Amino acid sequence: MIKHLILFLIFIYPGLLIQAQDIQLPPPQKEGGMPLMEALSKRQTTRSFTEQTISIQTLSDLLWAAWGINRAESGKRTAPSANNKPNTE
């Protein structure tokens, strides 16, 4: 199913591929910020969104927090995975 969708997009909408570009992100800011316990106590779910863009720095920080390498010597990440196996799909 995914392969068919990709082929469809490549042949029907080739302009989509031309618009893609790599973005060089700055290193994440790992220092400072709110203390963990305060962040947890203020955490809440929201269902409203804004069209306001986020900064490249904020994007870098969020991506690192979700799947960044935090132990360079072993290559292990900030988020757990099943038996530390990377997703190969």
C-alpha atoms as a PDB file:
ATOM      1  CA  MET A   1       0.000   0.000   0.000  1.00  0.00           C
ATOM      2  CA  ILE A   2       2.772   2.450   0.973  1.00  0.00           C
ATOM      3  CA  LYS A   3       4.770   1.555  -2.135  1.00  0.00           C
ATOM      4  CA  HIS A   4       1.753   2.277  -4.330  1.00  0.00           C
ATOM      5  CA  LEU A   5       1.249   5.647  -2.648  1.00  0.00           C
ATOM      6  CA  ILE A   6       4.900   6.564  -3.139  1.00  0.00           C
ATOM      7  CA  LEU A   7       4.799   5.568  -6.809  1.00  0.00           C
ATOM      8  CA  PHE A   8       1.583   7.530  -7.255  1.00  0.00           C
ATOM      9  CA  LEU A   9       3.146  10.626  -5.742  1.00  0.00           C
ATOM     10  CA  ILE A  10       6.324  10.281  -7.821  1.00  0.00           C
ATOM     11  CA  PHE A  11       4.541   9.927 -11.143  1.00  0.00           C
ATOM     12  CA  ILE A  12       1.442  12.055 -10.580  1.00  0.00           C
ATOM     13  CA  TYR A  13       2.910  14.821  -8.408  1.00  0.00           C
ATOM     14  CA  PRO A  14       6.625  15.008  -9.249  1.00  0.00           C
ATOM     15  CA  GLY A  15       6.638  18.675  -8.213  1.00  0.00           C
ATOM     16  CA  LEU A  16       6.314  17.567  -4.593  1.00  0.00           C
ATOM     17  CA  LEU A  17       9.734  15.943  -4.708  1.00  0.00           C
ATOM     18  CA  ILE A  18      11.399  19.023  -6.152  1.00  0.00           C
ATOM     19  CA  GLN A  19      10.169  21.168  -3.254  1.00  0.00           C
ATOM     20  CA  ALA A  20      11.770  18.956  -0.608  1.00  0.00           C
ATOM     21  CA  GLN A  21      14.994  20.259   0.863  1.00  0.00           C
ATOM     22  CA  ASP A  22      17.420  19.386   3.600  1.00  0.00           C
ATOM     23  CA  ILE A  23      17.512  21.720   6.572  1.00  0.00           C
ATOM     24  CA  GLN A  24      20.669  22.104   8.620  1.00  0.00           C
ATOM     25  CA  LEU A  25      19.510  22.190  12.250  1.00  0.00           C
ATOM     26  CA  PRO A  26      21.550  23.824  14.997  1.00  0.00           C
ATOM     27  CA  PRO A  27      22.672  21.605  17.875  1.00  0.00           C
ATOM     28  CA  PRO A  28      19.962  21.175  20.534  1.00  0.00           C
ATOM     29  CA  GLN A  29      20.111  23.324  23.642  1.00  0.00           C
ATOM     30  CA  LYS A  30      20.464  20.743  26.404  1.00  0.00           C
ATOM     31  CA  GLU A  31      21.054  23.123  29.306  1.00  0.00           C
ATOM     32  CA  GLY A  32      18.682  25.384  31.197  1.00  0.00           C
ATOM     33  CA  GLY A  33      14.950  25.364  30.835  1.00  0.00           C
ATOM     34  CA  MET A  34      12.323  24.452  33.389  1.00  0.00           C
ATOM     35  CA  PRO A  35      13.093  21.927  36.164  1.00  0.00           C
ATOM     36  CA  LEU A  36      11.665  18.457  35.471  1.00  0.00           C
ATOM     37  CA  MET A  37       9.170  18.382  38.351  1.00  0.00           C
ATOM     38  CA  GLU A  38       7.809  21.801  37.406  1.00  0.00           C
ATOM     39  CA  ALA A  39       7.472  20.756  33.769  1.00  0.00           C
ATOM     40  CA  LEU A  40       5.606  17.595  34.771  1.00  0.00           C
ATOM     41  CA  SER A  41       3.242  19.515  37.051  1.00  0.00           C
ATOM     42  CA  LYS A  42       2.425  21.982  34.241  1.00  0.00           C
ATOM     43  CA  ARG A  43       2.052  19.333  31.552  1.00  0.00           C
ATOM     44  CA  GLN A  44      -1.382  19.173  29.899  1.00  0.00           C
ATOM     45  CA  THR A  45      -2.998  18.077  26.657  1.00  0.00           C
ATOM     46  CA  THR A  46      -4.489  20.636  24.316  1.00  0.00           C
ATOM     47  CA  ARG A  47      -6.550  20.231  21.197  1.00  0.00           C
ATOM     48  CA  SER A  48      -6.108  23.719  19.836  1.00  0.00           C
ATOM     49  CA  PHE A  49      -3.320  24.565  17.453  1.00  0.00           C
ATOM     50  CA  THR A  50      -1.836  27.718  16.024  1.00  0.00           C
ATOM     51  CA  GLU A  51      -0.503  28.523  12.591  1.00  0.00           C
ATOM     52  CA  GLN A  52       2.437  30.308  14.175  1.00  0.00           C
ATOM     53  CA  THR A  53       5.739  28.822  13.035  1.00  0.00           C
ATOM     54  CA  ILE A  54       8.333  27.564  15.479  1.00  0.00           C
ATOM     55  CA  SER A  55      11.983  28.491  15.326  1.00  0.00           C
ATOM     56  CA  ILE A  56      14.584  26.173  13.825  1.00  0.00           C
ATOM     57  CA  GLN A  57      16.168  25.970  17.299  1.00  0.00           C
ATOM     58  CA  THR A  58      12.876  24.800  18.858  1.00  0.00           C
ATOM     59  CA  LEU A  59      12.481  22.215  16.086  1.00  0.00           C
ATOM     60  CA  SER A  60      16.018  20.961  16.729  1.00  0.00           C
ATOM     61  CA  ASP A  61      15.359  20.728  20.486  1.00  0.00           C
ATOM     62  CA  LEU A  62      12.072  18.838  20.001  1.00  0.00           C
ATOM     63  CA  LEU A  63      13.550  16.356  17.527  1.00  0.00           C
ATOM     64  CA  TRP A  64      16.523  15.688  19.801  1.00  0.00           C
ATOM     65  CA  ALA A  65      14.222  15.167  22.808  1.00  0.00           C
ATOM     66  CA  ALA A  66      12.131  12.694  20.809  1.00  0.00           C
ATOM     67  CA  TRP A  67      14.894  10.647  19.157  1.00  0.00           C
ATOM     68  CA  GLY A  68      18.296  12.217  19.722  1.00  0.00           C
ATOM     69  CA  ILE A  69      21.484  10.405  20.641  1.00  0.00           C
ATOM     70  CA  ASN A  70      22.256  11.214  24.266  1.00  0.00           C
ATOM     71  CA  ARG A  71      25.054   8.673  24.832  1.00  0.00           C
ATOM     72  CA  ALA A  72      27.562   9.158  22.042  1.00  0.00           C
ATOM     73  CA  GLU A  73      29.830   6.306  23.148  1.00  0.00           C
ATOM     74  CA  SER A  74      27.064   3.727  22.653  1.00  0.00           C
ATOM     75  CA  GLY A  75      24.841   5.556  20.158  1.00  0.00           C
ATOM     76  CA  LYS A  76      21.847   5.119  22.462  1.00  0.00           C
ATOM     77  CA  ARG A  77      18.939   7.525  22.216  1.00  0.00           C
ATOM     78  CA  THR A  78      16.705   9.706  24.365  1.00  0.00           C
ATOM     79  CA  ALA A  79      13.673   7.460  23.755  1.00  0.00           C
ATOM     80  CA  PRO A  80      13.521   3.715  24.391  1.00  0.00           C
ATOM     81  CA  SER A  81      13.069   1.177  21.622  1.00  0.00           C
ATOM     82  CA  ALA A  82      12.208  -2.518  21.602  1.00  0.00           C
ATOM     83  CA  ASN A  83      15.390  -4.273  22.732  1.00  0.00           C
ATOM     84  CA  ASN A  84      17.322  -1.200  21.524  1.00  0.00           C
ATOM     85  CA  LYS A  85      16.670  -2.182  17.918  1.00  0.00           C
ATOM     86  CA  PRO A  86      16.445   0.701  15.442  1.00  0.00           C
ATOM     87  CA  ASN A  87      13.400   1.016  13.220  1.00  0.00           C
ATOM     88  CA  THR A  88      14.586  -0.145   9.790  1.00  0.00           C
ATOM     89  CA  GLU A  89      11.395   0.529   7.842  1.00  0.00           C
END
